[in-house]
Amino acid sequence: MMMRQAAEHGFGFAVRSDWKPEDLVKASRAWATVIVTEANGHPEQIEMLASQRRHRTSRNWR
């Protein structure tokens, strides 16, 4: 599910260097919302999931 959703929300195996930090936050939140909704998760999981991508990016995790 996550790999299918990734492409639909602009993510992939390569990092898009043209994204501004706020673009990444917006895309991360949108992707997390779809994942949590499709998995019938709790809405409070959305920010936690979205912030994981943000934190990894800020540490140059790849």
N, C-alpha and C. Protein backbone atom coordinates (compact mmCIF):
# COMPACT_ATOMS: atom_id res chain seq x y z
N MET A 1 0.83 -1.18 0.00
CA MET A 1 0.00 0.00 0.00
C MET A 1 0.88 1.26 0.00
N MET A 2 1.92 1.26 0.81
CA MET A 2 2.72 2.48 0.92
C MET A 2 3.47 2.80 -0.36
N MET A 3 3.97 1.79 -1.05
CA MET A 3 4.69 2.06 -2.30
C MET A 3 3.74 2.61 -3.36
N ARG A 4 2.54 2.08 -3.41
CA ARG A 4 1.55 2.60 -4.37
C ARG A 4 1.19 4.03 -4.02
N GLN A 5 0.97 4.28 -2.75
CA GLN A 5 0.60 5.62 -2.31
C GLN A 5 1.75 6.61 -2.51
N ALA A 6 2.98 6.15 -2.37
CA ALA A 6 4.13 7.05 -2.49
C ALA A 6 4.14 7.77 -3.83
N ALA A 7 4.01 7.03 -4.89
CA ALA A 7 4.04 7.63 -6.23
C ALA A 7 2.87 8.60 -6.43
N GLU A 8 1.73 8.28 -5.87
CA GLU A 8 0.56 9.14 -6.03
C GLU A 8 0.72 10.48 -5.31
N HIS A 9 1.63 10.54 -4.34
CA HIS A 9 1.82 11.77 -3.57
C HIS A 9 3.19 12.39 -3.80
N GLY A 10 3.84 11.98 -4.87
CA GLY A 10 5.08 12.63 -5.28
C GLY A 10 6.35 12.08 -4.68
N PHE A 11 6.26 10.98 -3.96
CA PHE A 11 7.45 10.40 -3.37
C PHE A 11 7.93 9.22 -4.21
N GLY A 12 9.18 8.92 -4.07
CA GLY A 12 9.74 7.78 -4.78
C GLY A 12 11.06 7.40 -4.14
N PHE A 13 11.86 6.64 -4.87
CA PHE A 13 13.14 6.24 -4.33
C PHE A 13 14.16 7.37 -4.39
N ALA A 14 13.96 8.30 -5.26
CA ALA A 14 14.87 9.44 -5.37
C ALA A 14 14.27 10.64 -4.65
N VAL A 15 15.12 11.47 -4.12
CA VAL A 15 14.67 12.68 -3.43
C VAL A 15 14.48 13.79 -4.45
N ARG A 16 13.39 14.50 -4.32
CA ARG A 16 13.15 15.63 -5.22
C ARG A 16 13.82 16.87 -4.64
N SER A 17 14.93 17.26 -5.18
CA SER A 17 15.68 18.39 -4.63
C SER A 17 15.01 19.73 -4.90
N ASP A 18 14.05 19.76 -5.82
CA ASP A 18 13.39 21.02 -6.13
C ASP A 18 12.26 21.36 -5.15
N TRP A 19 11.98 20.47 -4.20
CA TRP A 19 10.93 20.74 -3.22
C TRP A 19 11.43 21.66 -2.13
N LYS A 20 10.63 22.63 -1.79
CA LYS A 20 10.90 23.47 -0.64
C LYS A 20 10.47 22.69 0.61
N PRO A 21 10.99 23.03 1.77
CA PRO A 21 10.59 22.32 2.99
C PRO A 21 9.08 22.30 3.21
N GLU A 22 8.42 23.41 2.92
CA GLU A 22 6.97 23.45 3.13
C GLU A 22 6.22 22.55 2.13
N ASP A 23 6.79 22.36 0.93
CA ASP A 23 6.20 21.42 -0.04
C ASP A 23 6.28 20.00 0.48
N LEU A 24 7.42 19.66 1.07
CA LEU A 24 7.62 18.33 1.61
C LEU A 24 6.67 18.07 2.78
N VAL A 25 6.49 19.06 3.63
CA VAL A 25 5.57 18.92 4.77
C VAL A 25 4.15 18.70 4.27
N LYS A 26 3.74 19.48 3.28
CA LYS A 26 2.39 19.36 2.74
C LYS A 26 2.17 17.98 2.10
N ALA A 27 3.13 17.53 1.31
CA ALA A 27 3.01 16.22 0.65
C ALA A 27 3.06 15.09 1.68
N SER A 28 3.91 15.22 2.68
CA SER A 28 4.00 14.20 3.73
C SER A 28 2.68 14.07 4.48
N ARG A 29 2.08 15.19 4.81
CA ARG A 29 0.80 15.17 5.53
C ARG A 29 -0.31 14.56 4.67
N ALA A 30 -0.34 14.91 3.38
CA ALA A 30 -1.36 14.36 2.49
C ALA A 30 -1.19 12.85 2.35
N TRP A 31 0.04 12.40 2.19
CA TRP A 31 0.31 10.97 2.05
C TRP A 31 -0.04 10.24 3.34
N ALA A 32 0.36 10.79 4.47
CA ALA A 32 0.04 10.17 5.76
C ALA A 32 -1.46 10.07 5.97
N THR A 33 -2.20 11.08 5.56
CA THR A 33 -3.65 11.07 5.70
C THR A 33 -4.26 9.93 4.91
N VAL A 34 -3.81 9.73 3.69
CA VAL A 34 -4.34 8.65 2.85
C VAL A 34 -3.98 7.28 3.45
N ILE A 35 -2.75 7.13 3.90
CA ILE A 35 -2.32 5.85 4.47
C ILE A 35 -3.15 5.50 5.70
N VAL A 36 -3.28 6.46 6.62
CA VAL A 36 -4.02 6.21 7.86
C VAL A 36 -5.50 5.95 7.56
N THR A 37 -6.07 6.72 6.64
CA THR A 37 -7.48 6.54 6.29
C THR A 37 -7.71 5.17 5.66
N GLU A 38 -6.87 4.79 4.71
CA GLU A 38 -7.03 3.50 4.03
C GLU A 38 -6.84 2.33 4.99
N ALA A 39 -5.99 2.52 6.00
CA ALA A 39 -5.73 1.46 6.97
C ALA A 39 -6.72 1.49 8.14
N ASN A 40 -7.71 2.38 8.06
CA ASN A 40 -8.69 2.55 9.14
C ASN A 40 -8.00 2.86 10.47
N GLY A 41 -6.95 3.67 10.41
CA GLY A 41 -6.23 4.07 11.61
C GLY A 41 -6.89 5.24 12.30
N HIS A 42 -6.28 5.66 13.38
CA HIS A 42 -6.79 6.80 14.14
C HIS A 42 -6.21 8.09 13.57
N PRO A 43 -7.02 9.13 13.45
CA PRO A 43 -6.54 10.39 12.87
C PRO A 43 -5.30 10.97 13.55
N GLU A 44 -5.13 10.71 14.86
CA GLU A 44 -3.95 11.26 15.54
C GLU A 44 -2.65 10.64 15.03
N GLN A 45 -2.73 9.56 14.28
CA GLN A 45 -1.54 8.94 13.71
C GLN A 45 -1.00 9.72 12.51
N ILE A 46 -1.82 10.57 11.95
CA ILE A 46 -1.42 11.29 10.73
C ILE A 46 -0.20 12.17 10.97
N GLU A 47 -0.26 13.02 11.99
CA GLU A 47 0.87 13.92 12.26
C GLU A 47 2.12 13.15 12.63
N MET A 48 1.96 12.08 13.41
CA MET A 48 3.11 11.28 13.81
C MET A 48 3.79 10.69 12.57
N LEU A 49 3.01 10.15 11.65
CA LEU A 49 3.56 9.55 10.44
C LEU A 49 4.16 10.63 9.53
N ALA A 50 3.48 11.73 9.36
CA ALA A 50 3.98 12.81 8.51
C ALA A 50 5.27 13.40 9.07
N SER A 51 5.37 13.52 10.37
CA SER A 51 6.55 14.14 10.98
C SER A 51 7.77 13.23 10.87
N GLN A 52 7.59 11.92 10.74
CA GLN A 52 8.74 11.02 10.59
C GLN A 52 9.51 11.36 9.32
N ARG A 53 8.81 11.62 8.26
CA ARG A 53 9.47 11.99 7.01
C ARG A 53 10.19 13.32 7.16
N ARG A 54 9.56 14.25 7.82
CA ARG A 54 10.13 15.57 8.01
C ARG A 54 11.43 15.47 8.82
N HIS A 55 11.44 14.70 9.90
CA HIS A 55 12.62 14.57 10.74
C HIS A 55 13.75 13.88 9.98
N ARG A 56 13.44 12.85 9.22
CA ARG A 56 14.48 12.15 8.47
C ARG A 56 15.08 13.06 7.42
N THR A 57 14.26 13.88 6.80
CA THR A 57 14.76 14.79 5.78
C THR A 57 15.69 15.83 6.40
N SER A 58 15.32 16.32 7.58
CA SER A 58 16.13 17.34 8.22
C SER A 58 17.50 16.81 8.63
N ARG A 59 17.63 15.50 8.78
CA ARG A 59 18.93 14.88 9.11
C ARG A 59 19.61 14.34 7.86
N ASN A 60 19.09 14.67 6.71
CA ASN A 60 19.63 14.19 5.44
C ASN A 60 19.61 12.68 5.35
N TRP A 61 18.56 12.07 5.88
CA TRP A 61 18.38 10.61 5.82
C TRP A 61 17.94 10.23 4.44
N ARG A 62 18.54 9.19 3.90
CA ARG A 62 18.12 8.70 2.58
C ARG A 62 18.19 7.22 2.57
